[in-house]
Amino acid sequence: MLKVYGIKNCDTVKKARRWLEQQSIDYQFHDFREDGISKKQLGEWVKKLGRDRLINKRSTTWRQLTDEDKAISSDKQAIDLLYQNPTLIKRPVIEANNLLEVGFTEAISKKLQ
């Protein structure tokens, strides 16, 4: 089952969900704010994608962090930060079988067809 992780009001998440529905692709939506996210899940994503690809450094949440919080020097530190601030996760995170992608681009949509 394809899973889309994100937050409801994110424009990119809305775009991805709308596209999936137009293509009649079944998916499950997981909202970080409402459903939370586990450290285990974050750890798997960081391991597969890398922390730099997963952390949204252009977000309002990132800009509000202290310089100390932004000085991420380990995967564990990144996982803890993402766990405490799930809106730092780039969106959407799309998981299906062997596919794990961040964001929603034309290239990603082709992989889902």
PDB file of N, CA and C in Angstrom:
ATOM      1  N   MET A   1       0.850  -1.191   0.000  1.00  0.00           N
ATOM      2  CA  MET A   1       0.000   0.000   0.000  1.00  0.00           C
ATOM      3  C   MET A   1       0.883   1.237   0.000  1.00  0.00           C
ATOM      4  N   LEU A   2       0.576   2.142  -0.859  1.00  0.00           N
ATOM      5  CA  LEU A   2       1.285   3.404  -0.954  1.00  0.00           C
ATOM      6  C   LEU A   2       0.885   4.279   0.230  1.00  0.00           C
ATOM      7  N   LYS A   3       1.875   4.891   0.856  1.00  0.00           N
ATOM      8  CA  LYS A   3       1.610   5.794   1.979  1.00  0.00           C
ATOM      9  C   LYS A   3       2.182   7.171   1.665  1.00  0.00           C
ATOM     10  N   VAL A   4       1.394   8.181   1.986  1.00  0.00           N
ATOM     11  CA  VAL A   4       1.818   9.564   1.818  1.00  0.00           C
ATOM     12  C   VAL A   4       1.856  10.187   3.207  1.00  0.00           C
ATOM     13  N   TYR A   5       3.017  10.696   3.589  1.00  0.00           N
ATOM     14  CA  TYR A   5       3.194  11.340   4.890  1.00  0.00           C
ATOM     15  C   TYR A   5       3.319  12.841   4.666  1.00  0.00           C
ATOM     16  N   GLY A   6       2.672  13.618   5.529  1.00  0.00           N
ATOM     17  CA  GLY A   6       2.771  15.060   5.420  1.00  0.00           C
ATOM     18  C   GLY A   6       1.796  15.738   6.362  1.00  0.00           C
ATOM     19  N   ILE A   7       1.410  16.949   6.012  1.00  0.00           N
ATOM     20  CA  ILE A   7       0.373  17.662   6.755  1.00  0.00           C
ATOM     21  C   ILE A   7      -0.680  18.134   5.751  1.00  0.00           C
ATOM     22  N   LYS A   8      -1.922  18.157   6.189  1.00  0.00           N
ATOM     23  CA  LYS A   8      -3.054  18.418   5.302  1.00  0.00           C
ATOM     24  C   LYS A   8      -2.962  19.732   4.547  1.00  0.00           C
ATOM     25  N   ASN A   9      -2.486  20.778   5.207  1.00  0.00           N
ATOM     26  CA  ASN A   9      -2.535  22.095   4.574  1.00  0.00           C
ATOM     27  C   ASN A   9      -1.305  22.430   3.727  1.00  0.00           C
ATOM     28  N   CYS A  10      -0.389  21.499   3.547  1.00  0.00           N
ATOM     29  CA  CYS A  10       0.797  21.716   2.709  1.00  0.00           C
ATOM     30  C   CYS A  10       0.392  21.639   1.238  1.00  0.00           C
ATOM     31  N   ASP A  11       0.753  22.652   0.463  1.00  0.00           N
ATOM     32  CA  ASP A  11       0.381  22.697  -0.954  1.00  0.00           C
ATOM     33  C   ASP A  11       0.942  21.522  -1.752  1.00  0.00           C
ATOM     34  N   THR A  12       2.163  21.122  -1.481  1.00  0.00           N
ATOM     35  CA  THR A  12       2.767  20.013  -2.217  1.00  0.00           C
ATOM     36  C   THR A  12       2.085  18.697  -1.867  1.00  0.00           C
ATOM     37  N   VAL A  13       1.702  18.532  -0.613  1.00  0.00           N
ATOM     38  CA  VAL A  13       0.962  17.342  -0.198  1.00  0.00           C
ATOM     39  C   VAL A  13      -0.398  17.319  -0.894  1.00  0.00           C
ATOM     40  N   LYS A  14      -1.062  18.457  -0.928  1.00  0.00           N
ATOM     41  CA  LYS A  14      -2.361  18.548  -1.613  1.00  0.00           C
ATOM     42  C   LYS A  14      -2.216  18.169  -3.087  1.00  0.00           C
ATOM     43  N   LYS A  15      -1.168  18.675  -3.722  1.00  0.00           N
ATOM     44  CA  LYS A  15      -0.913  18.387  -5.136  1.00  0.00           C
ATOM     45  C   LYS A  15      -0.711  16.885  -5.344  1.00  0.00           C
ATOM     46  N   ALA A  16       0.095  16.257  -4.497  1.00  0.00           N
ATOM     47  CA  ALA A  16       0.364  14.825  -4.616  1.00  0.00           C
ATOM     48  C   ALA A  16      -0.913  14.010  -4.407  1.00  0.00           C
ATOM     49  N   ARG A  17      -1.673  14.359  -3.388  1.00  0.00           N
ATOM     50  CA  ARG A  17      -2.911  13.618  -3.107  1.00  0.00           C
ATOM     51  C   ARG A  17      -3.915  13.778  -4.242  1.00  0.00           C
ATOM     52  N   ARG A  18      -4.035  14.977  -4.774  1.00  0.00           N
ATOM     53  CA  ARG A  18      -4.961  15.227  -5.883  1.00  0.00           C
ATOM     54  C   ARG A  18      -4.547  14.394  -7.109  1.00  0.00           C
ATOM     55  N   TRP A  19      -3.234  14.374  -7.398  1.00  0.00           N
ATOM     56  CA  TRP A  19      -2.734  13.606  -8.537  1.00  0.00           C
ATOM     57  C   TRP A  19      -3.018  12.113  -8.351  1.00  0.00           C
ATOM     58  N   LEU A  20      -2.746  11.586  -7.159  1.00  0.00           N
ATOM     59  CA  LEU A  20      -3.001  10.168  -6.883  1.00  0.00           C
ATOM     60  C   LEU A  20      -4.479   9.831  -7.077  1.00  0.00           C
ATOM     61  N   GLU A  21      -5.347  10.700  -6.604  1.00  0.00           N
ATOM     62  CA  GLU A  21      -6.785  10.470  -6.752  1.00  0.00           C
ATOM     63  C   GLU A  21      -7.198  10.522  -8.219  1.00  0.00           C
ATOM     64  N   GLN A  22      -6.632  11.444  -8.979  1.00  0.00           N
ATOM     65  CA  GLN A  22      -6.950  11.543 -10.411  1.00  0.00           C
ATOM     66  C   GLN A  22      -6.490  10.305 -11.176  1.00  0.00           C
ATOM     67  N   GLN A  23      -5.408   9.691 -10.690  1.00  0.00           N
ATOM     68  CA  GLN A  23      -4.874   8.483 -11.325  1.00  0.00           C
ATOM     69  C   GLN A  23      -5.529   7.214 -10.782  1.00  0.00           C
ATOM     70  N   SER A  24      -6.462   7.361  -9.847  1.00  0.00           N
ATOM     71  CA  SER A  24      -7.139   6.234  -9.183  1.00  0.00           C
ATOM     72  C   SER A  24      -6.142   5.296  -8.502  1.00  0.00           C
ATOM     73  N   ILE A  25      -5.138   5.892  -7.879  1.00  0.00           N
ATOM     74  CA  ILE A  25      -4.137   5.125  -7.138  1.00  0.00           C
ATOM     75  C   ILE A  25      -4.521   5.165  -5.664  1.00  0.00           C
ATOM     76  N   ASP A  26      -4.720   3.986  -5.093  1.00  0.00           N
ATOM     77  CA  ASP A  26      -5.055   3.896  -3.673  1.00  0.00           C
ATOM     78  C   ASP A  26      -3.841   4.259  -2.837  1.00  0.00           C
ATOM     79  N   TYR A  27      -4.084   5.004  -1.788  1.00  0.00           N
ATOM     80  CA  TYR A  27      -3.003   5.387  -0.886  1.00  0.00           C
ATOM     81  C   TYR A  27      -3.577   5.627   0.499  1.00  0.00           C
ATOM     82  N   GLN A  28      -2.704   5.620   1.457  1.00  0.00           N
ATOM     83  CA  GLN A  28      -3.061   5.940   2.843  1.00  0.00           C
ATOM     84  C   GLN A  28      -2.332   7.228   3.200  1.00  0.00           C
ATOM     85  N   PHE A  29      -3.058   8.171   3.792  1.00  0.00           N
ATOM     86  CA  PHE A  29      -2.448   9.437   4.185  1.00  0.00           C
ATOM     87  C   PHE A  29      -2.162   9.430   5.677  1.00  0.00           C
ATOM     88  N   HIS A  30      -0.969   9.853   6.041  1.00  0.00           N
ATOM     89  CA  HIS A  30      -0.544   9.925   7.439  1.00  0.00           C
ATOM     90  C   HIS A  30      -0.160  11.376   7.731  1.00  0.00           C
ATOM     91  N   ASP A  31      -0.928  12.014   8.588  1.00  0.00           N
ATOM     92  CA  ASP A  31      -0.680  13.415   8.938  1.00  0.00           C
ATOM     93  C   ASP A  31       0.240  13.473  10.158  1.00  0.00           C
ATOM     94  N   PHE A  32       1.409  14.101   9.974  1.00  0.00           N
ATOM     95  CA  PHE A  32       2.380  14.216  11.076  1.00  0.00           C
ATOM     96  C   PHE A  32       1.776  14.879  12.304  1.00  0.00           C
ATOM     97  N   ARG A  33       1.013  15.925  12.074  1.00  0.00           N
ATOM     98  CA  ARG A  33       0.463  16.675  13.208  1.00  0.00           C
ATOM     99  C   ARG A  33      -0.573  15.870  13.975  1.00  0.00           C
ATOM    100  N   GLU A  34      -1.458  15.198  13.264  1.00  0.00           N
ATOM    101  CA  GLU A  34      -2.536  14.458  13.916  1.00  0.00           C
ATOM    102  C   GLU A  34      -2.113  13.067  14.366  1.00  0.00           C
ATOM    103  N   ASP A  35      -1.345  12.383  13.533  1.00  0.00           N
ATOM    104  CA  ASP A  35      -1.002  10.986  13.799  1.00  0.00           C
ATOM    105  C   ASP A  35       0.374  10.796  14.417  1.00  0.00           C
ATOM    106  N   GLY A  36       1.180  11.861  14.419  1.00  0.00           N
ATOM    107  CA  GLY A  36       2.533  11.750  14.961  1.00  0.00           C
ATOM    108  C   GLY A  36       3.436  10.975  14.023  1.00  0.00           C
ATOM    109  N   ILE A  37       4.657  10.775  14.467  1.00  0.00           N
ATOM    110  CA  ILE A  37       5.645   9.994  13.711  1.00  0.00           C
ATOM    111  C   ILE A  37       6.619   9.397  14.720  1.00  0.00           C
ATOM    112  N   SER A  38       6.996   8.166  14.526  1.00  0.00           N
ATOM    113  CA  SER A  38       7.873   7.497  15.493  1.00  0.00           C
ATOM    114  C   SER A  38       9.340   7.773  15.188  1.00  0.00           C
ATOM    115  N   LYS A  39      10.159   7.682  16.219  1.00  0.00           N
ATOM    116  CA  LYS A  39      11.600   7.828  16.032  1.00  0.00           C
ATOM    117  C   LYS A  39      12.137   6.693  15.164  1.00  0.00           C
ATOM    118  N   LYS A  40      11.520   5.514  15.292  1.00  0.00           N
ATOM    119  CA  LYS A  40      11.941   4.376  14.479  1.00  0.00           C
ATOM    120  C   LYS A  40      11.732   4.689  12.995  1.00  0.00           C
ATOM    121  N   GLN A  41      10.557   5.215  12.649  1.00  0.00           N
ATOM    122  CA  GLN A  41      10.256   5.570  11.262  1.00  0.00           C
ATOM    123  C   GLN A  41      11.228   6.639  10.755  1.00  0.00           C
ATOM    124  N   LEU A  42      11.441   7.655  11.570  1.00  0.00           N
ATOM    125  CA  LEU A  42      12.380   8.719  11.204  1.00  0.00           C
ATOM    126  C   LEU A  42      13.784   8.164  10.989  1.00  0.00           C
ATOM    127  N   GLY A  43      14.175   7.235  11.852  1.00  0.00           N
ATOM    128  CA  GLY A  43      15.492   6.614  11.725  1.00  0.00           C
ATOM    129  C   GLY A  43      15.651   5.878  10.407  1.00  0.00           C
ATOM    130  N   GLU A  44      14.599   5.166   9.989  1.00  0.00           N
ATOM    131  CA  GLU A  44      14.650   4.455   8.709  1.00  0.00           C
ATOM    132  C   GLU A  44      14.772   5.433   7.551  1.00  0.00           C
ATOM    133  N   TRP A  45      14.023   6.525   7.612  1.00  0.00           N
ATOM    134  CA  TRP A  45      14.086   7.524   6.540  1.00  0.00           C
ATOM    135  C   TRP A  45      15.448   8.191   6.484  1.00  0.00           C
ATOM    136  N   VAL A  46      15.985   8.556   7.642  1.00  0.00           N
ATOM    137  CA  VAL A  46      17.302   9.206   7.681  1.00  0.00           C
ATOM    138  C   VAL A  46      18.359   8.258   7.121  1.00  0.00           C
ATOM    139  N   LYS A  47      18.253   6.984   7.472  1.00  0.00           N
ATOM    140  CA  LYS A  47      19.214   5.990   6.984  1.00  0.00           C
ATOM    141  C   LYS A  47      19.143   5.859   5.462  1.00  0.00           C
ATOM    142  N   LYS A  48      17.923   5.839   4.905  1.00  0.00           N
ATOM    143  CA  LYS A  48      17.754   5.646   3.464  1.00  0.00           C
ATOM    144  C   LYS A  48      17.964   6.918   2.651  1.00  0.00           C
ATOM    145  N   LEU A  49      17.501   8.049   3.181  1.00  0.00           N
ATOM    146  CA  LEU A  49      17.526   9.296   2.409  1.00  0.00           C
ATOM    147  C   LEU A  49      18.653  10.244   2.794  1.00  0.00           C
ATOM    148  N   GLY A  50      19.096  10.138   4.032  1.00  0.00           N
ATOM    149  CA  GLY A  50      20.067  11.090   4.563  1.00  0.00           C
ATOM    150  C   GLY A  50      19.347  12.256   5.228  1.00  0.00           C
ATOM    151  N   ARG A  51      19.908  12.742   6.308  1.00  0.00           N
ATOM    152  CA  ARG A  51      19.226  13.790   7.079  1.00  0.00           C
ATOM    153  C   ARG A  51      19.099  15.098   6.308  1.00  0.00           C
ATOM    154  N   ASP A  52      20.075  15.408   5.470  1.00  0.00           N
ATOM    155  CA  ASP A  52      20.014  16.669   4.727  1.00  0.00           C
ATOM    156  C   ASP A  52      18.872  16.684   3.720  1.00  0.00           C
ATOM    157  N   ARG A  53      18.560  15.543   3.175  1.00  0.00           N
ATOM    158  CA  ARG A  53      17.463  15.468   2.201  1.00  0.00           C
ATOM    159  C   ARG A  53      16.100  15.505   2.884  1.00  0.00           C
ATOM    160  N   LEU A  54      16.053  15.091   4.137  1.00  0.00           N
ATOM    161  CA  LEU A  54      14.790  14.982   4.861  1.00  0.00           C
ATOM    162  C   LEU A  54      14.411  16.265   5.598  1.00  0.00           C
ATOM    163  N   ILE A  55      15.401  17.045   5.999  1.00  0.00           N
ATOM    164  CA  ILE A  55      15.126  18.260   6.782  1.00  0.00           C
ATOM    165  C   ILE A  55      14.860  19.436   5.852  1.00  0.00           C
ATOM    166  N   ASN A  56      13.737  20.092   6.066  1.00  0.00           N
ATOM    167  CA  ASN A  56      13.358  21.250   5.261  1.00  0.00           C
ATOM    168  C   ASN A  56      13.952  22.511   5.880  1.00  0.00           C
ATOM    169  N   LYS A  57      15.083  22.920   5.344  1.00  0.00           N
ATOM    170  CA  LYS A  57      15.784  24.086   5.886  1.00  0.00           C
ATOM    171  C   LYS A  57      15.235  25.406   5.346  1.00  0.00           C
ATOM    172  N   ARG A  58      14.192  25.338   4.538  1.00  0.00           N
ATOM    173  CA  ARG A  58      13.542  26.549   4.050  1.00  0.00           C
ATOM    174  C   ARG A  58      12.230  26.819   4.792  1.00  0.00           C
ATOM    175  N   SER A  59      11.917  25.981   5.766  1.00  0.00           N
ATOM    176  CA  SER A  59      10.636  26.094   6.469  1.00  0.00           C
ATOM    177  C   SER A  59      10.652  27.179   7.545  1.00  0.00           C
ATOM    178  N   THR A  60       9.470  27.616   7.888  1.00  0.00           N
ATOM    179  CA  THR A  60       9.305  28.570   8.984  1.00  0.00           C
ATOM    180  C   THR A  60       9.818  27.957  10.281  1.00  0.00           C
ATOM    181  N   THR A  61       9.537  26.690  10.474  1.00  0.00           N
ATOM    182  CA  THR A  61       9.985  25.996  11.690  1.00  0.00           C
ATOM    183  C   THR A  61      11.505  26.056  11.802  1.00  0.00           C
ATOM    184  N   TRP A  62      12.211  25.810  10.698  1.00  0.00           N
ATOM    185  CA  TRP A  62      13.679  25.849  10.697  1.00  0.00           C
ATOM    186  C   TRP A  62      14.185  27.242  11.084  1.00  0.00           C
ATOM    187  N   ARG A  63      13.580  28.257  10.501  1.00  0.00           N
ATOM    188  CA  ARG A  63      14.022  29.630  10.780  1.00  0.00           C
ATOM    189  C   ARG A  63      13.806  30.015  12.238  1.00  0.00           C
ATOM    190  N   GLN A  64      12.870  29.369  12.903  1.00  0.00           N
ATOM    191  CA  GLN A  64      12.572  29.681  14.304  1.00  0.00           C
ATOM    192  C   GLN A  64      13.470  28.927  15.285  1.00  0.00           C
ATOM    193  N   LEU A  65      14.248  27.977  14.788  1.00  0.00           N
ATOM    194  CA  LEU A  65      15.140  27.211  15.664  1.00  0.00           C
ATOM    195  C   LEU A  65      16.340  28.056  16.086  1.00  0.00           C
ATOM    196  N   THR A  66      16.914  27.696  17.218  1.00  0.00           N
ATOM    197  CA  THR A  66      18.138  28.357  17.658  1.00  0.00           C
ATOM    198  C   THR A  66      19.308  27.853  16.804  1.00  0.00           C
ATOM    199  N   ASP A  67      20.385  28.608  16.784  1.00  0.00           N
ATOM    200  CA  ASP A  67      21.575  28.177  16.048  1.00  0.00           C
ATOM    201  C   ASP A  67      22.099  26.859  16.602  1.00  0.00           C
ATOM    202  N   GLU A  68      21.948  26.674  17.897  1.00  0.00           N
ATOM    203  CA  GLU A  68      22.382  25.427  18.539  1.00  0.00           C
ATOM    204  C   GLU A  68      21.585  24.241  17.990  1.00  0.00           C
ATOM    205  N   ASP A  69      20.265  24.407  17.848  1.00  0.00           N
ATOM    206  CA  ASP A  69      19.427  23.331  17.300  1.00  0.00           C
ATOM    207  C   ASP A  69      19.754  23.054  15.829  1.00  0.00           C
ATOM    208  N   LYS A  70      20.121  24.092  15.111  1.00  0.00           N
ATOM    209  CA  LYS A  70      20.428  23.944  13.685  1.00  0.00           C
ATOM    210  C   LYS A  70      21.772  23.262  13.443  1.00  0.00           C
ATOM    211  N   ALA A  71      22.635  23.245  14.434  1.00  0.00           N
ATOM    212  CA  ALA A  71      23.972  22.645  14.307  1.00  0.00           C
ATOM    213  C   ALA A  71      23.874  21.127  14.482  1.00  0.00           C
ATOM    214  N   ILE A  72      23.324  20.460  13.503  1.00  0.00           N
ATOM    215  CA  ILE A  72      23.094  19.012  13.567  1.00  0.00           C
ATOM    216  C   ILE A  72      24.381  18.293  13.173  1.00  0.00           C
ATOM    217  N   SER A  73      24.886  17.489  14.083  1.00  0.00           N
ATOM    218  CA  SER A  73      26.153  16.813  13.811  1.00  0.00           C
ATOM    219  C   SER A  73      26.036  15.287  13.768  1.00  0.00           C
ATOM    220  N   SER A  74      24.818  14.752  13.977  1.00  0.00           N
ATOM    221  CA  SER A  74      24.650  13.299  13.928  1.00  0.00           C
ATOM    222  C   SER A  74      23.231  12.957  13.482  1.00  0.00           C
ATOM    223  N   ASP A  75      23.081  11.726  13.012  1.00  0.00           N
ATOM    224  CA  ASP A  75      21.750  11.267  12.619  1.00  0.00           C
ATOM    225  C   ASP A  75      20.814  11.229  13.827  1.00  0.00           C
ATOM    226  N   LYS A  76      21.328  10.823  14.979  1.00  0.00           N
ATOM    227  CA  LYS A  76      20.504  10.774  16.181  1.00  0.00           C
ATOM    228  C   LYS A  76      19.969  12.164  16.524  1.00  0.00           C
ATOM    229  N   GLN A  77      20.817  13.145  16.424  1.00  0.00           N
ATOM    230  CA  GLN A  77      20.407  14.524  16.707  1.00  0.00           C
ATOM    231  C   GLN A  77      19.336  14.968  15.702  1.00  0.00           C
ATOM    232  N   ALA A  78      19.509  14.609  14.440  1.00  0.00           N
ATOM    233  CA  ALA A  78      18.519  14.957  13.405  1.00  0.00           C
ATOM    234  C   ALA A  78      17.187  14.270  13.686  1.00  0.00           C
ATOM    235  N   ILE A  79      17.226  13.004  14.054  1.00  0.00           N
ATOM    236  CA  ILE A  79      16.000  12.250  14.359  1.00  0.00           C
ATOM    237  C   ILE A  79      15.277  12.877  15.541  1.00  0.00           C
ATOM    238  N   ASP A  80      16.018  13.219  16.585  1.00  0.00           N
ATOM    239  CA  ASP A  80      15.405  13.862  17.759  1.00  0.00           C
ATOM    240  C   ASP A  80      14.759  15.190  17.385  1.00  0.00           C
ATOM    241  N   LEU A  81      15.443  15.977  16.562  1.00  0.00           N
ATOM    242  CA  LEU A  81      14.918  17.276  16.143  1.00  0.00           C
ATOM    243  C   LEU A  81      13.645  17.111  15.300  1.00  0.00           C
ATOM    244  N   LEU A  82      13.659  16.163  14.371  1.00  0.00           N
ATOM    245  CA  LEU A  82      12.484  15.905  13.533  1.00  0.00           C
ATOM    246  C   LEU A  82      11.316  15.356  14.357  1.00  0.00           C
ATOM    247  N   TYR A  83      11.645  14.547  15.336  1.00  0.00           N
ATOM    248  CA  TYR A  83      10.603  13.992  16.203  1.00  0.00           C
ATOM    249  C   TYR A  83       9.909  15.103  17.000  1.00  0.00           C
ATOM    250  N   GLN A  84      10.700  16.039  17.495  1.00  0.00           N
ATOM    251  CA  GLN A  84      10.161  17.149  18.277  1.00  0.00           C
ATOM    252  C   GLN A  84       9.478  18.194  17.390  1.00  0.00           C
ATOM    253  N   ASN A  85       9.885  18.271  16.138  1.00  0.00           N
ATOM    254  CA  ASN A  85       9.367  19.280  15.201  1.00  0.00           C
ATOM    255  C   ASN A  85       9.032  18.611  13.861  1.00  0.00           C
ATOM    256  N   PRO A  86       7.965  17.820  13.800  1.00  0.00           N
ATOM    257  CA  PRO A  86       7.671  17.081  12.561  1.00  0.00           C
ATOM    258  C   PRO A  86       7.415  17.970  11.340  1.00  0.00           C
ATOM    259  N   THR A  87       7.110  19.241  11.552  1.00  0.00           N
ATOM    260  CA  THR A  87       6.919  20.120  10.395  1.00  0.00           C
ATOM    261  C   THR A  87       8.249  20.467   9.717  1.00  0.00           C
ATOM    262  N   LEU A  88       9.364  20.028  10.285  1.00  0.00           N
ATOM    263  CA  LEU A  88      10.677  20.185   9.635  1.00  0.00           C
ATOM    264  C   LEU A  88      10.894  19.158   8.529  1.00  0.00           C
ATOM    265  N   ILE A  89      10.061  18.127   8.489  1.00  0.00           N
ATOM    266  CA  ILE A  89      10.224  17.072   7.494  1.00  0.00           C
ATOM    267  C   ILE A  89       9.750  17.594   6.143  1.00  0.00           C
ATOM    268  N   LYS A  90      10.602  17.461   5.129  1.00  0.00           N
ATOM    269  CA  LYS A  90      10.193  17.842   3.776  1.00  0.00           C
ATOM    270  C   LYS A  90       9.006  16.991   3.388  1.00  0.00           C
ATOM    271  N   ARG A  91       8.089  17.604   2.646  1.00  0.00           N
ATOM    272  CA  ARG A  91       6.832  16.925   2.344  1.00  0.00           C
ATOM    273  C   ARG A  91       6.544  16.931   0.847  1.00  0.00           C
ATOM    274  N   PRO A  92       5.766  15.929   0.477  1.00  0.00           N
ATOM    275  CA  PRO A  92       5.395  14.731   1.215  1.00  0.00           C
ATOM    276  C   PRO A  92       6.524  13.704   1.198  1.00  0.00           C
ATOM    277  N   VAL A  93       6.460  12.772   2.122  1.00  0.00           N
ATOM    278  CA  VAL A  93       7.305  11.584   2.069  1.00  0.00           C
ATOM    279  C   VAL A  93       6.390  10.501   1.503  1.00  0.00           C
ATOM    280  N   ILE A  94       6.834   9.872   0.426  1.00  0.00           N
ATOM    281  CA  ILE A  94       6.029   8.853  -0.245  1.00  0.00           C
ATOM    282  C   ILE A  94       6.739   7.523  -0.132  1.00  0.00           C
ATOM    283  N   GLU A  95       6.002   6.546   0.379  1.00  0.00           N
ATOM    284  CA  GLU A  95       6.543   5.210   0.618  1.00  0.00           C
ATOM    285  C   GLU A  95       5.677   4.185  -0.104  1.00  0.00           C
ATOM    286  N   ALA A  96       6.311   3.351  -0.901  1.00  0.00           N
ATOM    287  CA  ALA A  96       5.590   2.275  -1.582  1.00  0.00           C
ATOM    288  C   ALA A  96       6.583   1.192  -1.971  1.00  0.00           C
ATOM    289  N   ASN A  97       6.337  -0.021  -1.498  1.00  0.00           N
ATOM    290  CA  ASN A  97       7.226  -1.147  -1.795  1.00  0.00           C
ATOM    291  C   ASN A  97       8.681  -0.749  -1.576  1.00  0.00           C
ATOM    292  N   ASN A  98       9.475  -0.674  -2.632  1.00  0.00           N
ATOM    293  CA  ASN A  98      10.888  -0.314  -2.502  1.00  0.00           C
ATOM    294  C   ASN A  98      11.145   1.159  -2.789  1.00  0.00           C
ATOM    295  N   LEU A  99      10.083   1.937  -2.906  1.00  0.00           N
ATOM    296  CA  LEU A  99      10.203   3.347  -3.231  1.00  0.00           C
ATOM    297  C   LEU A  99      10.102   4.196  -1.968  1.00  0.00           C
ATOM    298  N   LEU A 100      11.021   5.136  -1.827  1.00  0.00           N
ATOM    299  CA  LEU A 100      10.957   6.124  -0.755  1.00  0.00           C
ATOM    300  C   LEU A 100      11.416   7.440  -1.367  1.00  0.00           C
ATOM    301  N   GLU A 101      10.502   8.388  -1.447  1.00  0.00           N
ATOM    302  CA  GLU A 101      10.782   9.671  -2.075  1.00  0.00           C
ATOM    303  C   GLU A 101      10.334  10.807  -1.177  1.00  0.00           C
ATOM    304  N   VAL A 102      10.974  11.957  -1.351  1.00  0.00           N
ATOM    305  CA  VAL A 102      10.593  13.176  -0.630  1.00  0.00           C
ATOM    306  C   VAL A 102      10.225  14.225  -1.676  1.00  0.00           C
ATOM    307  N   GLY A 103       9.093  14.878  -1.467  1.00  0.00           N
ATOM    308  CA  GLY A 103       8.620  15.873  -2.415  1.00  0.00           C
ATOM    309  C   GLY A 103       7.712  15.234  -3.436  1.00  0.00           C
ATOM    310  N   PHE A 104       7.230  16.044  -4.365  1.00  0.00           N
ATOM    311  CA  PHE A 104       6.383  15.505  -5.425  1.00  0.00           C
ATOM    312  C   PHE A 104       6.707  16.240  -6.721  1.00  0.00           C
ATOM    313  N   THR A 105       7.387  15.532  -7.602  1.00  0.00           N
ATOM    314  CA  THR A 105       7.799  16.093  -8.887  1.00  0.00           C
ATOM    315  C   THR A 105       7.257  15.199 -10.003  1.00  0.00           C
ATOM    316  N   GLU A 106       7.427  15.641 -11.222  1.00  0.00           N
ATOM    317  CA  GLU A 106       6.994  14.845 -12.372  1.00  0.00           C
ATOM    318  C   GLU A 106       7.731  13.512 -12.398  1.00  0.00           C
ATOM    319  N   ALA A 107       9.016  13.526 -12.056  1.00  0.00           N
ATOM    320  CA  ALA A 107       9.807  12.286 -12.038  1.00  0.00           C
ATOM    321  C   ALA A 107       9.251  11.299 -11.021  1.00  0.00           C
ATOM    322  N   ILE A 108       8.853  11.787  -9.880  1.00  0.00           N
ATOM    323  CA  ILE A 108       8.281  10.919  -8.851  1.00  0.00           C
ATOM    324  C   ILE A 108       6.931  10.395  -9.303  1.00  0.00           C
ATOM    325  N   SER A 109       6.127  11.249  -9.917  1.00  0.00           N
ATOM    326  CA  SER A 109       4.810  10.800 -10.377  1.00  0.00           C
ATOM    327  C   SER A 109       4.951   9.685 -11.410  1.00  0.00           C
ATOM    328  N   LYS A 110       5.983   9.731 -12.259  1.00  0.00           N
ATOM    329  CA  LYS A 110       6.198   8.678 -13.251  1.00  0.00           C
ATOM    330  C   LYS A 110       6.549   7.348 -12.577  1.00  0.00           C
ATOM    331  N   LYS A 111       7.287   7.422 -11.461  1.00  0.00           N
ATOM    332  CA  LYS A 111       7.636   6.210 -10.726  1.00  0.00           C
ATOM    333  C   LYS A 111       6.400   5.561 -10.100  1.00  0.00           C
ATOM    334  N   LEU A 112       5.379   6.349  -9.833  1.00  0.00           N
ATOM    335  CA  LEU A 112       4.179   5.847  -9.181  1.00  0.00           C
ATOM    336  C   LEU A 112       3.162   5.257 -10.155  1.00  0.00           C
ATOM    337  N   GLN A 113       3.341   5.516 -11.434  1.00  0.00           N
ATOM    338  CA  GLN A 113       2.367   5.039 -12.430  1.00  0.00           C
ATOM    339  C   GLN A 113       2.544   3.570 -12.712  1.00  0.00           C
TER     340      GLN A 113
END
